[in-house]
Amino acid sequence: MLLERYKILTIFFILITLFACSTPGLTYSSFAKVQTGMTEQEVIDILGEPTKVTSINLDAGTIGSVFGVEALTGTNMIWNTNNAKADIVFVQGKVRSSNFTNQF
C-alpha cells in the first residue's frame, strides 16, 4: 500500500516537472528564431506576450508622401524575466533590430 502511494507520488512529480520544462519562455534559443523582417505577431507567437510595449507614430509630411509613406510607425517591445531580457524594435510592423541580454 505504501509502495503504491510512492509510485503515484513519483509519477505526479515527474509529470509536474515535465510540464514546467515545456512551458514556453524567454530563452536564447527562442530569441534566436526571431529574424529581421518578421511581423509583431510572428515574434509574439515565438516569445509570448511582451512585458512592456511602447509605440510611436510620426507624420511623414510632404517628404514622406514623395516616397509613398504617409506615416512612420515604430514599436519597441520588451520581454523581461529574472534570467533574460529581449528588446525588439519594429518599424512599420516589422522587426528592425533586436537585442538579447542574460540577467545575472
PDB file of N, CA and C in Angstrom:
ATOM      1  N   MET A   1       0.824  -1.184   0.000  1.00  0.00           N
ATOM      2  CA  MET A   1       0.000   0.000   0.000  1.00  0.00           C
ATOM      3  C   MET A   1       0.873   1.255   0.000  1.00  0.00           C
ATOM      4  N   LEU A   2       1.878   1.277   0.862  1.00  0.00           N
ATOM      5  CA  LEU A   2       2.785   2.412   0.947  1.00  0.00           C
ATOM      6  C   LEU A   2       3.610   2.545  -0.329  1.00  0.00           C
ATOM      7  N   LEU A   3       4.040   1.426  -0.880  1.00  0.00           N
ATOM      8  CA  LEU A   3       4.801   1.423  -2.123  1.00  0.00           C
ATOM      9  C   LEU A   3       3.956   1.983  -3.274  1.00  0.00           C
ATOM     10  N   GLU A   4       2.690   1.663  -3.301  1.00  0.00           N
ATOM     11  CA  GLU A   4       1.792   2.166  -4.337  1.00  0.00           C
ATOM     12  C   GLU A   4       1.659   3.685  -4.236  1.00  0.00           C
ATOM     13  N   ARG A   5       1.576   4.218  -3.051  1.00  0.00           N
ATOM     14  CA  ARG A   5       1.495   5.679  -2.865  1.00  0.00           C
ATOM     15  C   ARG A   5       2.767   6.360  -3.346  1.00  0.00           C
ATOM     16  N   TYR A   6       3.916   5.770  -3.063  1.00  0.00           N
ATOM     17  CA  TYR A   6       5.182   6.340  -3.528  1.00  0.00           C
ATOM     18  C   TYR A   6       5.240   6.355  -5.055  1.00  0.00           C
ATOM     19  N   LYS A   7       4.740   5.299  -5.679  1.00  0.00           N
ATOM     20  CA  LYS A   7       4.712   5.251  -7.143  1.00  0.00           C
ATOM     21  C   LYS A   7       3.831   6.366  -7.698  1.00  0.00           C
ATOM     22  N   ILE A   8       2.673   6.552  -7.111  1.00  0.00           N
ATOM     23  CA  ILE A   8       1.751   7.598  -7.572  1.00  0.00           C
ATOM     24  C   ILE A   8       2.372   8.978  -7.372  1.00  0.00           C
ATOM     25  N   LEU A   9       2.985   9.203  -6.215  1.00  0.00           N
ATOM     26  CA  LEU A   9       3.624  10.492  -5.956  1.00  0.00           C
ATOM     27  C   LEU A   9       4.799  10.737  -6.905  1.00  0.00           C
ATOM     28  N   THR A  10       5.567   9.697  -7.173  1.00  0.00           N
ATOM     29  CA  THR A  10       6.692   9.829  -8.094  1.00  0.00           C
ATOM     30  C   THR A  10       6.205  10.196  -9.489  1.00  0.00           C
ATOM     31  N   ILE A  11       5.200   9.527  -9.966  1.00  0.00           N
ATOM     32  CA  ILE A  11       4.631   9.833 -11.287  1.00  0.00           C
ATOM     33  C   ILE A  11       4.088  11.257 -11.310  1.00  0.00           C
ATOM     34  N   PHE A  12       3.425  11.658 -10.255  1.00  0.00           N
ATOM     35  CA  PHE A  12       2.872  13.007 -10.155  1.00  0.00           C
ATOM     36  C   PHE A  12       3.990  14.057 -10.259  1.00  0.00           C
ATOM     37  N   PHE A  13       5.080  13.882  -9.522  1.00  0.00           N
ATOM     38  CA  PHE A  13       6.179  14.840  -9.559  1.00  0.00           C
ATOM     39  C   PHE A  13       6.904  14.850 -10.904  1.00  0.00           C
ATOM     40  N   ILE A  14       6.999  13.705 -11.539  1.00  0.00           N
ATOM     41  CA  ILE A  14       7.608  13.643 -12.870  1.00  0.00           C
ATOM     42  C   ILE A  14       6.754  14.421 -13.868  1.00  0.00           C
ATOM     43  N   LEU A  15       5.449  14.254 -13.802  1.00  0.00           N
ATOM     44  CA  LEU A  15       4.556  14.982 -14.698  1.00  0.00           C
ATOM     45  C   LEU A  15       4.628  16.487 -14.469  1.00  0.00           C
ATOM     46  N   ILE A  16       4.681  16.893 -13.213  1.00  0.00           N
ATOM     47  CA  ILE A  16       4.796  18.330 -12.912  1.00  0.00           C
ATOM     48  C   ILE A  16       6.107  18.885 -13.458  1.00  0.00           C
ATOM     49  N   THR A  17       7.188  18.151 -13.294  1.00  0.00           N
ATOM     50  CA  THR A  17       8.491  18.588 -13.785  1.00  0.00           C
ATOM     51  C   THR A  17       8.484  18.700 -15.306  1.00  0.00           C
ATOM     52  N   LEU A  18       7.931  17.722 -15.981  1.00  0.00           N
ATOM     53  CA  LEU A  18       7.849  17.776 -17.442  1.00  0.00           C
ATOM     54  C   LEU A  18       6.996  18.942 -17.910  1.00  0.00           C
ATOM     55  N   PHE A  19       5.895  19.180 -17.242  1.00  0.00           N
ATOM     56  CA  PHE A  19       5.029  20.293 -17.607  1.00  0.00           C
ATOM     57  C   PHE A  19       5.751  21.617 -17.409  1.00  0.00           C
ATOM     58  N   ALA A  20       6.469  21.775 -16.326  1.00  0.00           N
ATOM     59  CA  ALA A  20       7.204  23.016 -16.050  1.00  0.00           C
ATOM     60  C   ALA A  20       8.293  23.242 -17.090  1.00  0.00           C
ATOM     61  N   CYS A  21       8.959  22.201 -17.520  1.00  0.00           N
ATOM     62  CA  CYS A  21      10.025  22.340 -18.508  1.00  0.00           C
ATOM     63  C   CYS A  21       9.483  22.671 -19.893  1.00  0.00           C
ATOM     64  N   SER A  22       8.265  22.286 -20.182  1.00  0.00           N
ATOM     65  CA  SER A  22       7.719  22.525 -21.510  1.00  0.00           C
ATOM     66  C   SER A  22       7.036  23.886 -21.636  1.00  0.00           C
ATOM     67  N   THR A  23       6.926  24.627 -20.549  1.00  0.00           N
ATOM     68  CA  THR A  23       6.305  25.941 -20.601  1.00  0.00           C
ATOM     69  C   THR A  23       7.202  26.880 -21.382  1.00  0.00           C
ATOM     70  N   PRO A  24       6.661  27.540 -22.434  1.00  0.00           N
ATOM     71  CA  PRO A  24       7.500  28.437 -23.226  1.00  0.00           C
ATOM     72  C   PRO A  24       7.925  29.644 -22.403  1.00  0.00           C
ATOM     73  N   GLY A  25       9.075  30.160 -22.714  1.00  0.00           N
ATOM     74  CA  GLY A  25       9.579  31.331 -22.035  1.00  0.00           C
ATOM     75  C   GLY A  25      10.703  31.940 -22.834  1.00  0.00           C
ATOM     76  N   LEU A  26      11.222  33.019 -22.314  1.00  0.00           N
ATOM     77  CA  LEU A  26      12.300  33.707 -22.997  1.00  0.00           C
ATOM     78  C   LEU A  26      13.618  32.984 -22.748  1.00  0.00           C
ATOM     79  N   THR A  27      14.152  32.402 -23.800  1.00  0.00           N
ATOM     80  CA  THR A  27      15.470  31.777 -23.766  1.00  0.00           C
ATOM     81  C   THR A  27      16.235  32.265 -24.989  1.00  0.00           C
ATOM     82  N   TYR A  28      17.520  32.062 -24.980  1.00  0.00           N
ATOM     83  CA  TYR A  28      18.290  32.469 -26.151  1.00  0.00           C
ATOM     84  C   TYR A  28      17.876  31.675 -27.387  1.00  0.00           C
ATOM     85  N   SER A  29      17.567  30.387 -27.207  1.00  0.00           N
ATOM     86  CA  SER A  29      17.179  29.571 -28.368  1.00  0.00           C
ATOM     87  C   SER A  29      15.862  30.044 -28.977  1.00  0.00           C
ATOM     88  N   SER A  30      14.904  30.481 -28.142  1.00  0.00           N
ATOM     89  CA  SER A  30      13.661  31.019 -28.704  1.00  0.00           C
ATOM     90  C   SER A  30      13.915  32.384 -29.338  1.00  0.00           C
ATOM     91  N   PHE A  31      14.751  33.207 -28.703  1.00  0.00           N
ATOM     92  CA  PHE A  31      15.074  34.522 -29.246  1.00  0.00           C
ATOM     93  C   PHE A  31      15.785  34.398 -30.598  1.00  0.00           C
ATOM     94  N   ALA A  32      16.634  33.392 -30.744  1.00  0.00           N
ATOM     95  CA  ALA A  32      17.398  33.198 -31.985  1.00  0.00           C
ATOM     96  C   ALA A  32      16.497  32.914 -33.183  1.00  0.00           C
ATOM     97  N   LYS A  33      15.263  32.522 -32.942  1.00  0.00           N
ATOM     98  CA  LYS A  33      14.315  32.267 -34.029  1.00  0.00           C
ATOM     99  C   LYS A  33      13.768  33.562 -34.626  1.00  0.00           C
ATOM    100  N   VAL A  34      13.914  34.673 -33.901  1.00  0.00           N
ATOM    101  CA  VAL A  34      13.413  35.968 -34.374  1.00  0.00           C
ATOM    102  C   VAL A  34      14.347  36.500 -35.450  1.00  0.00           C
ATOM    103  N   GLN A  35      13.790  36.852 -36.598  1.00  0.00           N
ATOM    104  CA  GLN A  35      14.573  37.328 -37.738  1.00  0.00           C
ATOM    105  C   GLN A  35      14.110  38.715 -38.165  1.00  0.00           C
ATOM    106  N   THR A  36      15.029  39.500 -38.697  1.00  0.00           N
ATOM    107  CA  THR A  36      14.696  40.815 -39.243  1.00  0.00           C
ATOM    108  C   THR A  36      13.619  40.645 -40.313  1.00  0.00           C
ATOM    109  N   GLY A  37      12.601  41.501 -40.259  1.00  0.00           N
ATOM    110  CA  GLY A  37      11.505  41.450 -41.227  1.00  0.00           C
ATOM    111  C   GLY A  37      10.270  40.715 -40.742  1.00  0.00           C
ATOM    112  N   MET A  38      10.379  39.987 -39.618  1.00  0.00           N
ATOM    113  CA  MET A  38       9.204  39.300 -39.069  1.00  0.00           C
ATOM    114  C   MET A  38       8.195  40.328 -38.568  1.00  0.00           C
ATOM    115  N   THR A  39       6.921  39.948 -38.579  1.00  0.00           N
ATOM    116  CA  THR A  39       5.877  40.829 -38.060  1.00  0.00           C
ATOM    117  C   THR A  39       5.819  40.743 -36.538  1.00  0.00           C
ATOM    118  N   GLU A  40       5.136  41.712 -35.947  1.00  0.00           N
ATOM    119  CA  GLU A  40       4.970  41.712 -34.499  1.00  0.00           C
ATOM    120  C   GLU A  40       4.298  40.424 -34.029  1.00  0.00           C
ATOM    121  N   GLN A  41       3.266  39.984 -34.735  1.00  0.00           N
ATOM    122  CA  GLN A  41       2.548  38.775 -34.325  1.00  0.00           C
ATOM    123  C   GLN A  41       3.412  37.538 -34.428  1.00  0.00           C
ATOM    124  N   GLU A  42       4.255  37.460 -35.454  1.00  0.00           N
ATOM    125  CA  GLU A  42       5.163  36.310 -35.584  1.00  0.00           C
ATOM    126  C   GLU A  42       6.113  36.233 -34.392  1.00  0.00           C
ATOM    127  N   VAL A  43       6.603  37.385 -33.939  1.00  0.00           N
ATOM    128  CA  VAL A  43       7.517  37.416 -32.796  1.00  0.00           C
ATOM    129  C   VAL A  43       6.776  37.045 -31.514  1.00  0.00           C
ATOM    130  N   ILE A  44       5.563  37.562 -31.345  1.00  0.00           N
ATOM    131  CA  ILE A  44       4.761  37.226 -30.161  1.00  0.00           C
ATOM    132  C   ILE A  44       4.459  35.730 -30.139  1.00  0.00           C
ATOM    133  N   ASP A  45       4.224  35.132 -31.297  1.00  0.00           N
ATOM    134  CA  ASP A  45       3.987  33.685 -31.357  1.00  0.00           C
ATOM    135  C   ASP A  45       5.207  32.903 -30.872  1.00  0.00           C
ATOM    136  N   ILE A  46       6.407  33.442 -31.072  1.00  0.00           N
ATOM    137  CA  ILE A  46       7.634  32.767 -30.648  1.00  0.00           C
ATOM    138  C   ILE A  46       7.950  33.030 -29.181  1.00  0.00           C
ATOM    139  N   LEU A  47       7.888  34.299 -28.762  1.00  0.00           N
ATOM    140  CA  LEU A  47       8.334  34.682 -27.424  1.00  0.00           C
ATOM    141  C   LEU A  47       7.214  34.839 -26.399  1.00  0.00           C
ATOM    142  N   GLY A  48       5.971  34.861 -26.848  1.00  0.00           N
ATOM    143  CA  GLY A  48       4.861  35.113 -25.945  1.00  0.00           C
ATOM    144  C   GLY A  48       4.601  36.611 -25.833  1.00  0.00           C
ATOM    145  N   GLU A  49       3.676  36.978 -24.990  1.00  0.00           N
ATOM    146  CA  GLU A  49       3.311  38.384 -24.822  1.00  0.00           C
ATOM    147  C   GLU A  49       4.458  39.159 -24.174  1.00  0.00           C
ATOM    148  N   PRO A  50       4.775  40.352 -24.694  1.00  0.00           N
ATOM    149  CA  PRO A  50       5.850  41.146 -24.103  1.00  0.00           C
ATOM    150  C   PRO A  50       5.436  41.716 -22.750  1.00  0.00           C
ATOM    151  N   THR A  51       6.430  42.059 -21.931  1.00  0.00           N
ATOM    152  CA  THR A  51       6.140  42.653 -20.626  1.00  0.00           C
ATOM    153  C   THR A  51       5.963  44.164 -20.721  1.00  0.00           C
ATOM    154  N   LYS A  52       6.484  44.777 -21.799  1.00  0.00           N
ATOM    155  CA  LYS A  52       6.339  46.218 -21.983  1.00  0.00           C
ATOM    156  C   LYS A  52       6.292  46.534 -23.473  1.00  0.00           C
ATOM    157  N   VAL A  53       5.377  47.439 -23.862  1.00  0.00           N
ATOM    158  CA  VAL A  53       5.250  47.858 -25.261  1.00  0.00           C
ATOM    159  C   VAL A  53       5.171  49.376 -25.306  1.00  0.00           C
ATOM    160  N   THR A  54       6.003  49.969 -26.161  1.00  0.00           N
ATOM    161  CA  THR A  54       5.965  51.417 -26.379  1.00  0.00           C
ATOM    162  C   THR A  54       5.844  51.644 -27.878  1.00  0.00           C
ATOM    163  N   SER A  55       4.877  52.494 -28.269  1.00  0.00           N
ATOM    164  CA  SER A  55       4.662  52.756 -29.691  1.00  0.00           C
ATOM    165  C   SER A  55       4.755  54.246 -29.981  1.00  0.00           C
ATOM    166  N   ILE A  56       5.117  54.554 -31.228  1.00  0.00           N
ATOM    167  CA  ILE A  56       5.176  55.937 -31.667  1.00  0.00           C
ATOM    168  C   ILE A  56       4.699  56.006 -33.115  1.00  0.00           C
ATOM    169  N   ASN A  57       3.960  57.044 -33.440  1.00  0.00           N
ATOM    170  CA  ASN A  57       3.504  57.286 -34.806  1.00  0.00           C
ATOM    171  C   ASN A  57       3.933  58.694 -35.197  1.00  0.00           C
ATOM    172  N   LEU A  58       4.610  58.830 -36.331  1.00  0.00           N
ATOM    173  CA  LEU A  58       5.071  60.128 -36.812  1.00  0.00           C
ATOM    174  C   LEU A  58       4.473  60.409 -38.178  1.00  0.00           C
ATOM    175  N   ASP A  59       3.980  61.615 -38.356  1.00  0.00           N
ATOM    176  CA  ASP A  59       3.500  62.049 -39.655  1.00  0.00           C
ATOM    177  C   ASP A  59       4.721  62.310 -40.531  1.00  0.00           C
ATOM    178  N   ALA A  60       4.812  61.652 -41.660  1.00  0.00           N
ATOM    179  CA  ALA A  60       5.975  61.788 -42.531  1.00  0.00           C
ATOM    180  C   ALA A  60       5.946  63.083 -43.331  1.00  0.00           C
ATOM    181  N   GLY A  61       4.798  63.756 -43.384  1.00  0.00           N
ATOM    182  CA  GLY A  61       4.706  65.044 -44.070  1.00  0.00           C
ATOM    183  C   GLY A  61       4.894  64.934 -45.561  1.00  0.00           C
ATOM    184  N   THR A  62       5.257  66.062 -46.163  1.00  0.00           N
ATOM    185  CA  THR A  62       5.389  66.149 -47.617  1.00  0.00           C
ATOM    186  C   THR A  62       6.495  65.243 -48.144  1.00  0.00           C
ATOM    187  N   ILE A  63       7.610  65.200 -47.452  1.00  0.00           N
ATOM    188  CA  ILE A  63       8.720  64.356 -47.916  1.00  0.00           C
ATOM    189  C   ILE A  63       8.312  62.892 -47.904  1.00  0.00           C
ATOM    190  N   GLY A  64       7.570  62.476 -46.881  1.00  0.00           N
ATOM    191  CA  GLY A  64       7.122  61.091 -46.809  1.00  0.00           C
ATOM    192  C   GLY A  64       6.188  60.725 -47.944  1.00  0.00           C
ATOM    193  N   SER A  65       5.304  61.657 -48.329  1.00  0.00           N
ATOM    194  CA  SER A  65       4.358  61.349 -49.406  1.00  0.00           C
ATOM    195  C   SER A  65       5.070  61.185 -50.744  1.00  0.00           C
ATOM    196  N   VAL A  66       6.208  61.846 -50.915  1.00  0.00           N
ATOM    197  CA  VAL A  66       7.000  61.671 -52.141  1.00  0.00           C
ATOM    198  C   VAL A  66       7.468  60.227 -52.264  1.00  0.00           C
ATOM    199  N   PHE A  67       7.789  59.611 -51.115  1.00  0.00           N
ATOM    200  CA  PHE A  67       8.264  58.227 -51.108  1.00  0.00           C
ATOM    201  C   PHE A  67       7.146  57.223 -50.855  1.00  0.00           C
ATOM    202  N   GLY A  68       5.910  57.678 -50.821  1.00  0.00           N
ATOM    203  CA  GLY A  68       4.772  56.791 -50.627  1.00  0.00           C
ATOM    204  C   GLY A  68       4.532  56.389 -49.190  1.00  0.00           C
ATOM    205  N   VAL A  69       5.071  57.163 -48.248  1.00  0.00           N
ATOM    206  CA  VAL A  69       4.890  56.862 -46.836  1.00  0.00           C
ATOM    207  C   VAL A  69       4.204  58.052 -46.182  1.00  0.00           C
ATOM    208  N   GLU A  70       2.982  57.842 -45.737  1.00  0.00           N
ATOM    209  CA  GLU A  70       2.230  58.931 -45.091  1.00  0.00           C
ATOM    210  C   GLU A  70       2.623  59.079 -43.625  1.00  0.00           C
ATOM    211  N   ALA A  71       2.907  57.962 -42.973  1.00  0.00           N
ATOM    212  CA  ALA A  71       3.259  57.997 -41.557  1.00  0.00           C
ATOM    213  C   ALA A  71       4.270  56.900 -41.263  1.00  0.00           C
ATOM    214  N   LEU A  72       5.122  57.162 -40.308  1.00  0.00           N
ATOM    215  CA  LEU A  72       6.067  56.157 -39.840  1.00  0.00           C
ATOM    216  C   LEU A  72       5.606  55.665 -38.480  1.00  0.00           C
ATOM    217  N   THR A  73       5.567  54.365 -38.322  1.00  0.00           N
ATOM    218  CA  THR A  73       5.183  53.805 -37.028  1.00  0.00           C
ATOM    219  C   THR A  73       6.328  52.972 -36.495  1.00  0.00           C
ATOM    220  N   GLY A  74       6.488  53.028 -35.204  1.00  0.00           N
ATOM    221  CA  GLY A  74       7.534  52.245 -34.566  1.00  0.00           C
ATOM    222  C   GLY A  74       7.036  51.697 -33.244  1.00  0.00           C
ATOM    223  N   THR A  75       7.472  50.521 -32.915  1.00  0.00           N
ATOM    224  CA  THR A  75       7.097  49.877 -31.661  1.00  0.00           C
ATOM    225  C   THR A  75       8.337  49.256 -31.044  1.00  0.00           C
ATOM    226  N   ASN A  76       8.475  49.430 -29.753  1.00  0.00           N
ATOM    227  CA  ASN A  76       9.543  48.785 -29.007  1.00  0.00           C
ATOM    228  C   ASN A  76       8.885  47.808 -28.040  1.00  0.00           C
ATOM    229  N   MET A  77       9.208  46.529 -28.173  1.00  0.00           N
ATOM    230  CA  MET A  77       8.664  45.510 -27.285  1.00  0.00           C
ATOM    231  C   MET A  77       9.789  44.933 -26.445  1.00  0.00           C
ATOM    232  N   ILE A  78       9.510  44.750 -25.154  1.00  0.00           N
ATOM    233  CA  ILE A  78      10.496  44.209 -24.233  1.00  0.00           C
ATOM    234  C   ILE A  78       9.919  42.984 -23.549  1.00  0.00           C
ATOM    235  N   TRP A  79      10.694  41.920 -23.535  1.00  0.00           N
ATOM    236  CA  TRP A  79      10.382  40.712 -22.787  1.00  0.00           C
ATOM    237  C   TRP A  79      11.392  40.639 -21.657  1.00  0.00           C
ATOM    238  N   ASN A  80      10.922  40.574 -20.424  1.00  0.00           N
ATOM    239  CA  ASN A  80      11.826  40.606 -19.282  1.00  0.00           C
ATOM    240  C   ASN A  80      11.478  39.485 -18.310  1.00  0.00           C
ATOM    241  N   THR A  81      12.459  38.669 -17.979  1.00  0.00           N
ATOM    242  CA  THR A  81      12.301  37.628 -16.970  1.00  0.00           C
ATOM    243  C   THR A  81      13.409  37.807 -15.937  1.00  0.00           C
ATOM    244  N   ASN A  82      13.441  36.945 -14.943  1.00  0.00           N
ATOM    245  CA  ASN A  82      14.515  37.002 -13.953  1.00  0.00           C
ATOM    246  C   ASN A  82      15.864  36.660 -14.564  1.00  0.00           C
ATOM    247  N   ASN A  83      15.859  35.893 -15.655  1.00  0.00           N
ATOM    248  CA  ASN A  83      17.104  35.393 -16.238  1.00  0.00           C
ATOM    249  C   ASN A  83      17.531  36.071 -17.528  1.00  0.00           C
ATOM    250  N   ALA A  84      16.609  36.726 -18.232  1.00  0.00           N
ATOM    251  CA  ALA A  84      16.953  37.271 -19.537  1.00  0.00           C
ATOM    252  C   ALA A  84      16.072  38.462 -19.892  1.00  0.00           C
ATOM    253  N   LYS A  85      16.551  39.226 -20.880  1.00  0.00           N
ATOM    254  CA  LYS A  85      15.787  40.370 -21.384  1.00  0.00           C
ATOM    255  C   LYS A  85      15.967  40.434 -22.893  1.00  0.00           C
ATOM    256  N   ALA A  86      14.871  40.587 -23.610  1.00  0.00           N
ATOM    257  CA  ALA A  86      14.907  40.774 -25.061  1.00  0.00           C
ATOM    258  C   ALA A  86      14.270  42.118 -25.371  1.00  0.00           C
ATOM    259  N   ASP A  87      14.903  42.874 -26.240  1.00  0.00           N
ATOM    260  CA  ASP A  87      14.433  44.191 -26.645  1.00  0.00           C
ATOM    261  C   ASP A  87      14.368  44.190 -28.167  1.00  0.00           C
ATOM    262  N   ILE A  88      13.161  44.342 -28.717  1.00  0.00           N
ATOM    263  CA  ILE A  88      12.990  44.271 -30.166  1.00  0.00           C
ATOM    264  C   ILE A  88      12.298  45.533 -30.656  1.00  0.00           C
ATOM    265  N   VAL A  89      12.869  46.146 -31.703  1.00  0.00           N
ATOM    266  CA  VAL A  89      12.317  47.356 -32.302  1.00  0.00           C
ATOM    267  C   VAL A  89      11.675  46.985 -33.634  1.00  0.00           C
ATOM    268  N   PHE A  90      10.428  47.422 -33.797  1.00  0.00           N
ATOM    269  CA  PHE A  90       9.677  47.205 -35.028  1.00  0.00           C
ATOM    270  C   PHE A  90       9.476  48.543 -35.729  1.00  0.00           C
ATOM    271  N   VAL A  91       9.684  48.586 -37.038  1.00  0.00           N
ATOM    272  CA  VAL A  91       9.394  49.765 -37.839  1.00  0.00           C
ATOM    273  C   VAL A  91       8.403  49.334 -38.904  1.00  0.00           C
ATOM    274  N   GLN A  92       7.291  50.046 -38.969  1.00  0.00           N
ATOM    275  CA  GLN A  92       6.203  49.700 -39.890  1.00  0.00           C
ATOM    276  C   GLN A  92       5.742  48.261 -39.663  1.00  0.00           C
ATOM    277  N   GLY A  93       5.768  47.806 -38.396  1.00  0.00           N
ATOM    278  CA  GLY A  93       5.248  46.492 -38.027  1.00  0.00           C
ATOM    279  C   GLY A  93       6.187  45.313 -38.257  1.00  0.00           C
ATOM    280  N   LYS A  94       7.434  45.583 -38.661  1.00  0.00           N
ATOM    281  CA  LYS A  94       8.392  44.501 -38.928  1.00  0.00           C
ATOM    282  C   LYS A  94       9.651  44.696 -38.083  1.00  0.00           C
ATOM    283  N   VAL A  95      10.282  43.575 -37.710  1.00  0.00           N
ATOM    284  CA  VAL A  95      11.489  43.628 -36.890  1.00  0.00           C
ATOM    285  C   VAL A  95      12.580  44.402 -37.624  1.00  0.00           C
ATOM    286  N   ARG A  96      13.102  45.415 -36.943  1.00  0.00           N
ATOM    287  CA  ARG A  96      14.205  46.206 -37.494  1.00  0.00           C
ATOM    288  C   ARG A  96      15.514  45.892 -36.755  1.00  0.00           C
ATOM    289  N   SER A  97      15.424  45.737 -35.427  1.00  0.00           N
ATOM    290  CA  SER A  97      16.608  45.382 -34.658  1.00  0.00           C
ATOM    291  C   SER A  97      16.177  44.616 -33.407  1.00  0.00           C
ATOM    292  N   SER A  98      17.112  43.828 -32.857  1.00  0.00           N
ATOM    293  CA  SER A  98      16.803  43.038 -31.667  1.00  0.00           C
ATOM    294  C   SER A  98      18.052  42.865 -30.817  1.00  0.00           C
ATOM    295  N   ASN A  99      17.822  42.713 -29.521  1.00  0.00           N
ATOM    296  CA  ASN A  99      18.934  42.572 -28.593  1.00  0.00           C
ATOM    297  C   ASN A  99      18.513  41.613 -27.468  1.00  0.00           C
ATOM    298  N   PHE A 100      19.408  40.710 -27.107  1.00  0.00           N
ATOM    299  CA  PHE A 100      19.161  39.747 -26.034  1.00  0.00           C
ATOM    300  C   PHE A 100      20.243  39.891 -24.988  1.00  0.00           C
ATOM    301  N   THR A 101      19.851  39.895 -23.717  1.00  0.00           N
ATOM    302  CA  THR A 101      20.804  40.013 -22.626  1.00  0.00           C
ATOM    303  C   THR A 101      20.485  38.995 -21.552  1.00  0.00           C
ATOM    304  N   ASN A 102      21.502  38.285 -21.062  1.00  0.00           N
ATOM    305  CA  ASN A 102      21.327  37.421 -19.893  1.00  0.00           C
ATOM    306  C   ASN A 102      21.387  38.295 -18.661  1.00  0.00           C
ATOM    307  N   GLN A 103      20.481  38.070 -17.719  1.00  0.00           N
ATOM    308  CA  GLN A 103      20.462  38.821 -16.465  1.00  0.00           C
ATOM    309  C   GLN A 103      21.112  37.956 -15.403  1.00  0.00           C
ATOM    310  N   PHE A 104      22.047  38.491 -14.679  1.00  0.00           N
ATOM    311  CA  PHE A 104      22.711  37.715 -13.620  1.00  0.00           C
ATOM    312  C   PHE A 104      22.298  38.208 -12.264  1.00  0.00           C
TER     313      PHE A 104
END
